[in-house]
Amino acid sequence: AAHKLAAKGKKHLITTVFEHHAVLHTCAALEKE
């Protein structure tokens, strides 16, 4: 979703602080991008 919508200028995501690491680490990887 992030890579698809980045082309439209949408580079912001929302999640919570206590997600499973499969979500948190994925979001952290996207922050590096």
Full PDB file with SEQRES, HELIX, SHEET, SSBOND, CRYST1, ORIGX, SCALE, CONECT and MASTER records, all heavy atoms in Angstrom:
SEQRES   1 A   33  ALA ALA HIS LYS LEU ALA ALA LYS GLY LYS LYS HIS LEU          
SEQRES   2 A   33  ILE THR THR VAL PHE GLU HIS HIS ALA VAL LEU HIS THR          
SEQRES   3 A   33  CYS ALA ALA LEU GLU LYS GLU                                  
HELIX    1 AA1 ALA A    2  ALA A    6  1                                   5    
HELIX    2 AA2 HIS A   21  LYS A   32  1                                  12    
CRYST1    1.000    1.000    1.000  90.00  90.00  90.00 P 1           1          
ORIGX1      1.000000  0.000000  0.000000        0.00000                         
ORIGX2      0.000000  1.000000  0.000000        0.00000                         
ORIGX3      0.000000  0.000000  1.000000        0.00000                         
SCALE1      1.000000  0.000000  0.000000        0.00000                         
SCALE2      0.000000  1.000000  0.000000        0.00000                         
SCALE3      0.000000  0.000000  1.000000        0.00000                         
ATOM      1  N   ALA A   1       0.827  -1.207   0.000  1.00  0.00           N  
ATOM      2  CA  ALA A   1       0.000   0.000   0.000  1.00  0.00           C  
ATOM      3  C   ALA A   1       0.863   1.260   0.000  1.00  0.00           C  
ATOM      4  O   ALA A   1       0.584   2.228  -0.717  1.00  0.00           O  
ATOM      5  CB  ALA A   1      -0.927  -0.007   1.213  1.00  0.00           C  
ATOM      6  N   ALA A   2       1.920   1.244   0.818  1.00  0.00           N  
ATOM      7  CA  ALA A   2       2.798   2.414   0.903  1.00  0.00           C  
ATOM      8  C   ALA A   2       3.460   2.706  -0.443  1.00  0.00           C  
ATOM      9  O   ALA A   2       3.468   3.848  -0.920  1.00  0.00           O  
ATOM     10  CB  ALA A   2       3.851   2.188   1.984  1.00  0.00           C  
ATOM     11  N   HIS A   3       4.015   1.694  -1.061  1.00  0.00           N  
ATOM     12  CA  HIS A   3       4.703   1.896  -2.339  1.00  0.00           C  
ATOM     13  C   HIS A   3       3.729   2.250  -3.453  1.00  0.00           C  
ATOM     14  O   HIS A   3       4.056   3.039  -4.348  1.00  0.00           O  
ATOM     15  CB  HIS A   3       5.497   0.648  -2.695  1.00  0.00           C  
ATOM     16  CG  HIS A   3       6.642   0.392  -1.763  1.00  0.00           C  
ATOM     17  ND1 HIS A   3       7.107  -0.874  -1.469  1.00  0.00           N  
ATOM     18  CD2 HIS A   3       7.420   1.245  -1.039  1.00  0.00           C  
ATOM     19  CE1 HIS A   3       8.115  -0.787  -0.620  1.00  0.00           C  
ATOM     20  NE2 HIS A   3       8.319   0.482  -0.339  1.00  0.00           N  
ATOM     21  N   LYS A   4       2.540   1.686  -3.401  1.00  0.00           N  
ATOM     22  CA  LYS A   4       1.538   1.981  -4.428  1.00  0.00           C  
ATOM     23  C   LYS A   4       1.092   3.441  -4.368  1.00  0.00           C  
ATOM     24  O   LYS A   4       0.991   4.125  -5.396  1.00  0.00           O  
ATOM     25  CB  LYS A   4       0.335   1.057  -4.234  1.00  0.00           C  
ATOM     26  CG  LYS A   4      -0.827   1.300  -5.180  1.00  0.00           C  
ATOM     27  CD  LYS A   4      -0.530   0.763  -6.550  1.00  0.00           C  
ATOM     28  CE  LYS A   4      -1.745   0.862  -7.465  1.00  0.00           C  
ATOM     29  NZ  LYS A   4      -1.463   0.314  -8.811  1.00  0.00           N  
ATOM     30  N   LEU A   5       0.829   3.919  -3.159  1.00  0.00           N  
ATOM     31  CA  LEU A   5       0.253   5.255  -3.010  1.00  0.00           C  
ATOM     32  C   LEU A   5       1.300   6.364  -2.904  1.00  0.00           C  
ATOM     33  O   LEU A   5       0.955   7.538  -2.963  1.00  0.00           O  
ATOM     34  CB  LEU A   5      -0.676   5.289  -1.796  1.00  0.00           C  
ATOM     35  CG  LEU A   5      -1.898   4.366  -1.922  1.00  0.00           C  
ATOM     36  CD1 LEU A   5      -2.740   4.409  -0.654  1.00  0.00           C  
ATOM     37  CD2 LEU A   5      -2.742   4.747  -3.134  1.00  0.00           C  
ATOM     38  N   ALA A   6       2.561   5.974  -2.744  1.00  0.00           N  
ATOM     39  CA  ALA A   6       3.617   6.989  -2.694  1.00  0.00           C  
ATOM     40  C   ALA A   6       3.663   7.785  -3.998  1.00  0.00           C  
ATOM     41  O   ALA A   6       3.983   8.985  -3.995  1.00  0.00           O  
ATOM     42  CB  ALA A   6       4.969   6.338  -2.430  1.00  0.00           C  
ATOM     43  N   ALA A   7       3.314   7.120  -5.100  1.00  0.00           N  
ATOM     44  CA  ALA A   7       3.311   7.790  -6.396  1.00  0.00           C  
ATOM     45  C   ALA A   7       2.281   8.910  -6.458  1.00  0.00           C  
ATOM     46  O   ALA A   7       2.389   9.825  -7.283  1.00  0.00           O  
ATOM     47  CB  ALA A   7       3.056   6.771  -7.501  1.00  0.00           C  
ATOM     48  N   LYS A   8       1.286   8.835  -5.576  1.00  0.00           N  
ATOM     49  CA  LYS A   8       0.252   9.872  -5.513  1.00  0.00           C  
ATOM     50  C   LYS A   8       0.559  10.913  -4.428  1.00  0.00           C  
ATOM     51  O   LYS A   8      -0.301  11.725  -4.085  1.00  0.00           O  
ATOM     52  CB  LYS A   8      -1.112   9.237  -5.253  1.00  0.00           C  
ATOM     53  CG  LYS A   8      -1.566   8.291  -6.356  1.00  0.00           C  
ATOM     54  CD  LYS A   8      -2.957   7.725  -6.062  1.00  0.00           C  
ATOM     55  CE  LYS A   8      -3.425   6.809  -7.170  1.00  0.00           C  
ATOM     56  NZ  LYS A   8      -4.795   6.273  -6.912  1.00  0.00           N  
ATOM     57  N   GLY A   9       1.763  10.835  -3.876  1.00  0.00           N  
ATOM     58  CA  GLY A   9       2.160  11.792  -2.848  1.00  0.00           C  
ATOM     59  C   GLY A   9       1.697  11.436  -1.450  1.00  0.00           C  
ATOM     60  O   GLY A   9       1.811  12.244  -0.529  1.00  0.00           O  
ATOM     61  N   LYS A  10       1.194  10.213  -1.282  1.00  0.00           N  
ATOM     62  CA  LYS A  10       0.736   9.782   0.040  1.00  0.00           C  
ATOM     63  C   LYS A  10       1.809   8.917   0.687  1.00  0.00           C  
ATOM     64  O   LYS A  10       1.986   7.753   0.326  1.00  0.00           O  
ATOM     65  CB  LYS A  10      -0.579   9.007  -0.076  1.00  0.00           C  
ATOM     66  CG  LYS A  10      -1.738   9.863  -0.566  1.00  0.00           C  
ATOM     67  CD  LYS A  10      -3.058   9.104  -0.486  1.00  0.00           C  
ATOM     68  CE  LYS A  10      -4.228  10.005  -0.848  1.00  0.00           C  
ATOM     69  NZ  LYS A  10      -5.530   9.326  -0.664  1.00  0.00           N  
ATOM     70  N   LYS A  11       2.518   9.495   1.659  1.00  0.00           N  
ATOM     71  CA  LYS A  11       3.633   8.788   2.299  1.00  0.00           C  
ATOM     72  C   LYS A  11       3.506   8.797   3.816  1.00  0.00           C  
ATOM     73  O   LYS A  11       4.494   8.766   4.532  1.00  0.00           O  
ATOM     74  CB  LYS A  11       4.972   9.399   1.864  1.00  0.00           C  
ATOM     75  CG  LYS A  11       5.216   9.327   0.367  1.00  0.00           C  
ATOM     76  CD  LYS A  11       6.640   9.702   0.011  1.00  0.00           C  
ATOM     77  CE  LYS A  11       7.628   8.649   0.467  1.00  0.00           C  
ATOM     78  NZ  LYS A  11       9.017   8.927   0.011  1.00  0.00           N  
ATOM     79  N   HIS A  12       2.265   8.826   4.288  1.00  0.00           N  
ATOM     80  CA  HIS A  12       2.005   8.831   5.729  1.00  0.00           C  
ATOM     81  C   HIS A  12       1.176   7.602   6.096  1.00  0.00           C  
ATOM     82  O   HIS A  12       0.200   7.265   5.416  1.00  0.00           O  
ATOM     83  CB  HIS A  12       1.254  10.107   6.133  1.00  0.00           C  
ATOM     84  CG  HIS A  12       0.820  10.137   7.561  1.00  0.00           C  
ATOM     85  ND1 HIS A  12      -0.508  10.246   7.946  1.00  0.00           N  
ATOM     86  CD2 HIS A  12       1.534  10.054   8.714  1.00  0.00           C  
ATOM     87  CE1 HIS A  12      -0.585  10.246   9.269  1.00  0.00           C  
ATOM     88  NE2 HIS A  12       0.638  10.127   9.752  1.00  0.00           N  
ATOM     89  N   LEU A  13       1.585   6.914   7.155  1.00  0.00           N  
ATOM     90  CA  LEU A  13       0.860   5.740   7.639  1.00  0.00           C  
ATOM     91  C   LEU A  13       0.499   5.933   9.107  1.00  0.00           C  
ATOM     92  O   LEU A  13       1.181   6.666   9.832  1.00  0.00           O  
ATOM     93  CB  LEU A  13       1.698   4.473   7.484  1.00  0.00           C  
ATOM     94  CG  LEU A  13       2.074   4.036   6.068  1.00  0.00           C  
ATOM     95  CD1 LEU A  13       3.363   4.710   5.617  1.00  0.00           C  
ATOM     96  CD2 LEU A  13       2.225   2.533   5.992  1.00  0.00           C  
ATOM     97  N   ILE A  14      -0.553   5.239   9.538  1.00  0.00           N  
ATOM     98  CA  ILE A  14      -1.010   5.297  10.927  1.00  0.00           C  
ATOM     99  C   ILE A  14      -1.107   3.877  11.469  1.00  0.00           C  
ATOM    100  O   ILE A  14      -1.681   2.994  10.820  1.00  0.00           O  
ATOM    101  CB  ILE A  14      -2.383   5.980  11.045  1.00  0.00           C  
ATOM    102  CG1 ILE A  14      -2.315   7.424  10.537  1.00  0.00           C  
ATOM    103  CG2 ILE A  14      -2.878   5.950  12.496  1.00  0.00           C  
ATOM    104  CD1 ILE A  14      -3.680   8.089  10.394  1.00  0.00           C  
ATOM    105  N   THR A  15      -0.550   3.666  12.656  1.00  0.00           N  
ATOM    106  CA  THR A  15      -0.676   2.380  13.337  1.00  0.00           C  
ATOM    107  C   THR A  15      -0.676   2.647  14.841  1.00  0.00           C  
ATOM    108  O   THR A  15      -0.874   3.789  15.265  1.00  0.00           O  
ATOM    109  CB  THR A  15       0.446   1.405  12.905  1.00  0.00           C  
ATOM    110  OG1 THR A  15       0.180   0.116  13.445  1.00  0.00           O  
ATOM    111  CG2 THR A  15       1.811   1.895  13.354  1.00  0.00           C  
ATOM    112  N   THR A  16      -0.479   1.621  15.654  1.00  0.00           N  
ATOM    113  CA  THR A  16      -0.441   1.827  17.105  1.00  0.00           C  
ATOM    114  C   THR A  16       0.920   1.398  17.651  1.00  0.00           C  
ATOM    115  O   THR A  16       1.688   0.711  16.978  1.00  0.00           O  
ATOM    116  CB  THR A  16      -1.535   1.020  17.839  1.00  0.00           C  
ATOM    117  OG1 THR A  16      -1.173  -0.372  17.856  1.00  0.00           O  
ATOM    118  CG2 THR A  16      -2.882   1.193  17.173  1.00  0.00           C  
ATOM    119  N   VAL A  17       1.180   1.796  18.883  1.00  0.00           N  
ATOM    120  CA  VAL A  17       2.468   1.500  19.504  1.00  0.00           C  
ATOM    121  C   VAL A  17       2.591   0.044  19.924  1.00  0.00           C  
ATOM    122  O   VAL A  17       3.700  -0.410  20.219  1.00  0.00           O  
ATOM    123  CB  VAL A  17       2.717   2.390  20.743  1.00  0.00           C  
ATOM    124  CG1 VAL A  17       2.824   3.853  20.338  1.00  0.00           C  
ATOM    125  CG2 VAL A  17       1.606   2.198  21.784  1.00  0.00           C  
ATOM    126  N   PHE A  18       1.490  -0.683  19.977  1.00  0.00           N  
ATOM    127  CA  PHE A  18       1.605  -2.046  20.491  1.00  0.00           C  
ATOM    128  C   PHE A  18       1.164  -3.116  19.497  1.00  0.00           C  
ATOM    129  O   PHE A  18       0.697  -4.183  19.871  1.00  0.00           O  
ATOM    130  CB  PHE A  18       0.943  -2.172  21.853  1.00  0.00           C  
ATOM    131  CG  PHE A  18      -0.548  -2.389  21.887  1.00  0.00           C  
ATOM    132  CD1 PHE A  18      -1.124  -2.932  23.022  1.00  0.00           C  
ATOM    133  CD2 PHE A  18      -1.385  -2.057  20.837  1.00  0.00           C  
ATOM    134  CE1 PHE A  18      -2.497  -3.147  23.102  1.00  0.00           C  
ATOM    135  CE2 PHE A  18      -2.737  -2.264  20.906  1.00  0.00           C  
ATOM    136  CZ  PHE A  18      -3.298  -2.826  22.055  1.00  0.00           C  
ATOM    137  N   GLU A  19       1.398  -2.845  18.228  1.00  0.00           N  
ATOM    138  CA  GLU A  19       1.163  -3.847  17.194  1.00  0.00           C  
ATOM    139  C   GLU A  19       2.164  -4.992  17.320  1.00  0.00           C  
ATOM    140  O   GLU A  19       3.195  -4.883  17.992  1.00  0.00           O  
ATOM    141  CB  GLU A  19       1.307  -3.211  15.807  1.00  0.00           C  
ATOM    142  CG  GLU A  19       0.326  -2.105  15.501  1.00  0.00           C  
ATOM    143  CD  GLU A  19      -1.091  -2.592  15.319  1.00  0.00           C  
ATOM    144  OE1 GLU A  19      -1.295  -3.586  14.598  1.00  0.00           O  
ATOM    145  OE2 GLU A  19      -1.998  -1.979  15.905  1.00  0.00           O  
ATOM    146  N   HIS A  20       1.882  -6.055  16.623  1.00  0.00           N  
ATOM    147  CA  HIS A  20       2.850  -7.150  16.486  1.00  0.00           C  
ATOM    148  C   HIS A  20       4.078  -6.605  15.751  1.00  0.00           C  
ATOM    149  O   HIS A  20       3.985  -5.683  14.949  1.00  0.00           O  
ATOM    150  CB  HIS A  20       2.219  -8.298  15.695  1.00  0.00           C  
ATOM    151  CG  HIS A  20       3.024  -9.556  15.685  1.00  0.00           C  
ATOM    152  ND1 HIS A  20       4.094  -9.753  14.827  1.00  0.00           N  
ATOM    153  CD2 HIS A  20       2.911 -10.698  16.409  1.00  0.00           C  
ATOM    154  CE1 HIS A  20       4.606 -10.947  15.028  1.00  0.00           C  
ATOM    155  NE2 HIS A  20       3.919 -11.546  15.987  1.00  0.00           N  
ATOM    156  N   HIS A  21       5.237  -7.194  16.018  1.00  0.00           N  
ATOM    157  CA  HIS A  21       6.456  -6.710  15.372  1.00  0.00           C  
ATOM    158  C   HIS A  21       6.417  -6.857  13.851  1.00  0.00           C  
ATOM    159  O   HIS A  21       7.157  -6.158  13.148  1.00  0.00           O  
ATOM    160  CB  HIS A  21       7.673  -7.445  15.941  1.00  0.00           C  
ATOM    161  CG  HIS A  21       8.083  -6.933  17.292  1.00  0.00           C  
ATOM    162  ND1 HIS A  21       8.314  -7.764  18.368  1.00  0.00           N  
ATOM    163  CD2 HIS A  21       8.289  -5.677  17.754  1.00  0.00           C  
ATOM    164  CE1 HIS A  21       8.651  -7.045  19.423  1.00  0.00           C  
ATOM    165  NE2 HIS A  21       8.631  -5.776  19.080  1.00  0.00           N  
ATOM    166  N   ALA A  22       5.574  -7.738  13.341  1.00  0.00           N  
ATOM    167  CA  ALA A  22       5.438  -7.849  11.892  1.00  0.00           C  
ATOM    168  C   ALA A  22       4.945  -6.537  11.292  1.00  0.00           C  
ATOM    169  O   ALA A  22       5.276  -6.205  10.144  1.00  0.00           O  
ATOM    170  CB  ALA A  22       4.477  -8.979  11.531  1.00  0.00           C  
ATOM    171  N   VAL A  23       4.173  -5.793  12.062  1.00  0.00           N  
ATOM    172  CA  VAL A  23       3.704  -4.478  11.625  1.00  0.00           C  
ATOM    173  C   VAL A  23       4.696  -3.389  12.014  1.00  0.00           C  
ATOM    174  O   VAL A  23       5.076  -2.549  11.192  1.00  0.00           O  
ATOM    175  CB  VAL A  23       2.310  -4.178  12.217  1.00  0.00           C  
ATOM    176  CG1 VAL A  23       1.907  -2.729  11.967  1.00  0.00           C  
ATOM    177  CG2 VAL A  23       1.271  -5.124  11.625  1.00  0.00           C  
ATOM    178  N   LEU A  24       5.144  -3.398  13.269  1.00  0.00           N  
ATOM    179  CA  LEU A  24       6.045  -2.338  13.735  1.00  0.00           C  
ATOM    180  C   LEU A  24       7.359  -2.316  12.965  1.00  0.00           C  
ATOM    181  O   LEU A  24       7.846  -1.246  12.576  1.00  0.00           O  
ATOM    182  CB  LEU A  24       6.310  -2.508  15.231  1.00  0.00           C  
ATOM    183  CG  LEU A  24       5.118  -2.277  16.162  1.00  0.00           C  
ATOM    184  CD1 LEU A  24       5.518  -2.513  17.610  1.00  0.00           C  
ATOM    185  CD2 LEU A  24       4.551  -0.871  15.985  1.00  0.00           C  
ATOM    186  N   HIS A  25       7.952  -3.478  12.738  1.00  0.00           N  
ATOM    187  CA  HIS A  25       9.224  -3.512  12.026  1.00  0.00           C  
ATOM    188  C   HIS A  25       9.048  -3.177  10.550  1.00  0.00           C  
ATOM    189  O   HIS A  25       9.949  -2.600   9.920  1.00  0.00           O  
ATOM    190  CB  HIS A  25       9.875  -4.879  12.190  1.00  0.00           C  
ATOM    191  CG  HIS A  25      10.379  -5.133  13.575  1.00  0.00           C  
ATOM    192  ND1 HIS A  25      10.927  -6.327  13.975  1.00  0.00           N  
ATOM    193  CD2 HIS A  25      10.424  -4.332  14.685  1.00  0.00           C  
ATOM    194  CE1 HIS A  25      11.279  -6.261  15.247  1.00  0.00           C  
ATOM    195  NE2 HIS A  25      10.972  -5.062  15.694  1.00  0.00           N  
ATOM    196  N   THR A  26       7.897  -3.516   9.990  1.00  0.00           N  
ATOM    197  CA  THR A  26       7.606  -3.135   8.611  1.00  0.00           C  
ATOM    198  C   THR A  26       7.488  -1.626   8.495  1.00  0.00           C  
ATOM    199  O   THR A  26       8.028  -1.012   7.563  1.00  0.00           O  
ATOM    200  CB  THR A  26       6.311  -3.816   8.134  1.00  0.00           C  
ATOM    201  OG1 THR A  26       6.478  -5.232   8.189  1.00  0.00           O  
ATOM    202  CG2 THR A  26       5.976  -3.411   6.704  1.00  0.00           C  
ATOM    203  N   CYS A  27       6.807  -1.012   9.450  1.00  0.00           N  
ATOM    204  CA  CYS A  27       6.685   0.452   9.453  1.00  0.00           C  
ATOM    205  C   CYS A  27       8.045   1.115   9.653  1.00  0.00           C  
ATOM    206  O   CYS A  27       8.354   2.138   9.028  1.00  0.00           O  
ATOM    207  CB  CYS A  27       5.716   0.891  10.547  1.00  0.00           C  
ATOM    208  SG  CYS A  27       3.979   0.512  10.197  1.00  0.00           S  
ATOM    209  N   ALA A  28       8.868   0.535  10.513  1.00  0.00           N  
ATOM    210  CA  ALA A  28      10.212   1.079  10.735  1.00  0.00           C  
ATOM    211  C   ALA A  28      11.036   1.026   9.452  1.00  0.00           C  
ATOM    212  O   ALA A  28      11.803   1.948   9.146  1.00  0.00           O  
ATOM    213  CB  ALA A  28      10.900   0.310  11.856  1.00  0.00           C  
ATOM    214  N   ALA A  29      10.890  -0.067   8.700  1.00  0.00           N  
ATOM    215  CA  ALA A  29      11.607  -0.191   7.427  1.00  0.00           C  
ATOM    216  C   ALA A  29      11.146   0.884   6.445  1.00  0.00           C  
ATOM    217  O   ALA A  29      11.959   1.463   5.704  1.00  0.00           O  
ATOM    218  CB  ALA A  29      11.400  -1.579   6.842  1.00  0.00           C  
ATOM    219  N   LEU A  30       9.849   1.166   6.437  1.00  0.00           N  
ATOM    220  CA  LEU A  30       9.324   2.200   5.545  1.00  0.00           C  
ATOM    221  C   LEU A  30       9.795   3.594   5.962  1.00  0.00           C  
ATOM    222  O   LEU A  30      10.022   4.462   5.118  1.00  0.00           O  
ATOM    223  CB  LEU A  30       7.793   2.139   5.519  1.00  0.00           C  
ATOM    224  CG  LEU A  30       7.204   0.939   4.771  1.00  0.00           C  
ATOM    225  CD1 LEU A  30       5.698   0.850   5.001  1.00  0.00           C  
ATOM    226  CD2 LEU A  30       7.497   1.031   3.266  1.00  0.00           C  
ATOM    227  N   GLU A  31       9.944   3.811   7.268  1.00  0.00           N  
ATOM    228  CA  GLU A  31      10.473   5.098   7.730  1.00  0.00           C  
ATOM    229  C   GLU A  31      11.865   5.341   7.175  1.00  0.00           C  
ATOM    230  O   GLU A  31      12.227   6.475   6.843  1.00  0.00           O  
ATOM    231  CB  GLU A  31      10.484   5.138   9.259  1.00  0.00           C  
ATOM    232  CG  GLU A  31       9.098   5.296   9.874  1.00  0.00           C  
ATOM    233  CD  GLU A  31       9.133   5.349  11.389  1.00  0.00           C  
ATOM    234  OE1 GLU A  31       9.569   4.361  12.013  1.00  0.00           O  
ATOM    235  OE2 GLU A  31       8.708   6.383  11.953  1.00  0.00           O  
ATOM    236  N   LYS A  32      12.654   4.288   7.061  1.00  0.00           N  
ATOM    237  CA  LYS A  32      14.000   4.428   6.499  1.00  0.00           C  
ATOM    238  C   LYS A  32      13.957   4.786   5.019  1.00  0.00           C  
ATOM    239  O   LYS A  32      14.924   5.301   4.465  1.00  0.00           O  
ATOM    240  CB  LYS A  32      14.787   3.133   6.706  1.00  0.00           C  
ATOM    241  CG  LYS A  32      15.097   2.827   8.163  1.00  0.00           C  
ATOM    242  CD  LYS A  32      15.852   1.507   8.310  1.00  0.00           C  
ATOM    243  CE  LYS A  32      16.148   1.203   9.772  1.00  0.00           C  
ATOM    244  NZ  LYS A  32      16.849  -0.102   9.940  1.00  0.00           N  
ATOM    245  N   GLU A  33      12.822   4.500   4.382  1.00  0.00           N  
ATOM    246  CA  GLU A  33      12.648   4.844   2.975  1.00  0.00           C  
ATOM    247  C   GLU A  33      12.076   6.250   2.800  1.00  0.00           C  
ATOM    248  O   GLU A  33      11.863   6.686   1.663  1.00  0.00           O  
ATOM    249  CB  GLU A  33      11.713   3.838   2.297  1.00  0.00           C  
ATOM    250  CG  GLU A  33      12.238   2.417   2.247  1.00  0.00           C  
ATOM    251  CD  GLU A  33      11.267   1.472   1.563  1.00  0.00           C  
ATOM    252  OE1 GLU A  33      10.429   1.940   0.760  1.00  0.00           O  
ATOM    253  OE2 GLU A  33      11.317   0.258   1.830  1.00  0.00           O  
TER     254      GLU A  33                                                      
MASTER        0    0    0    2    0    0    0    6  253    1    0    3          
END                                                                             
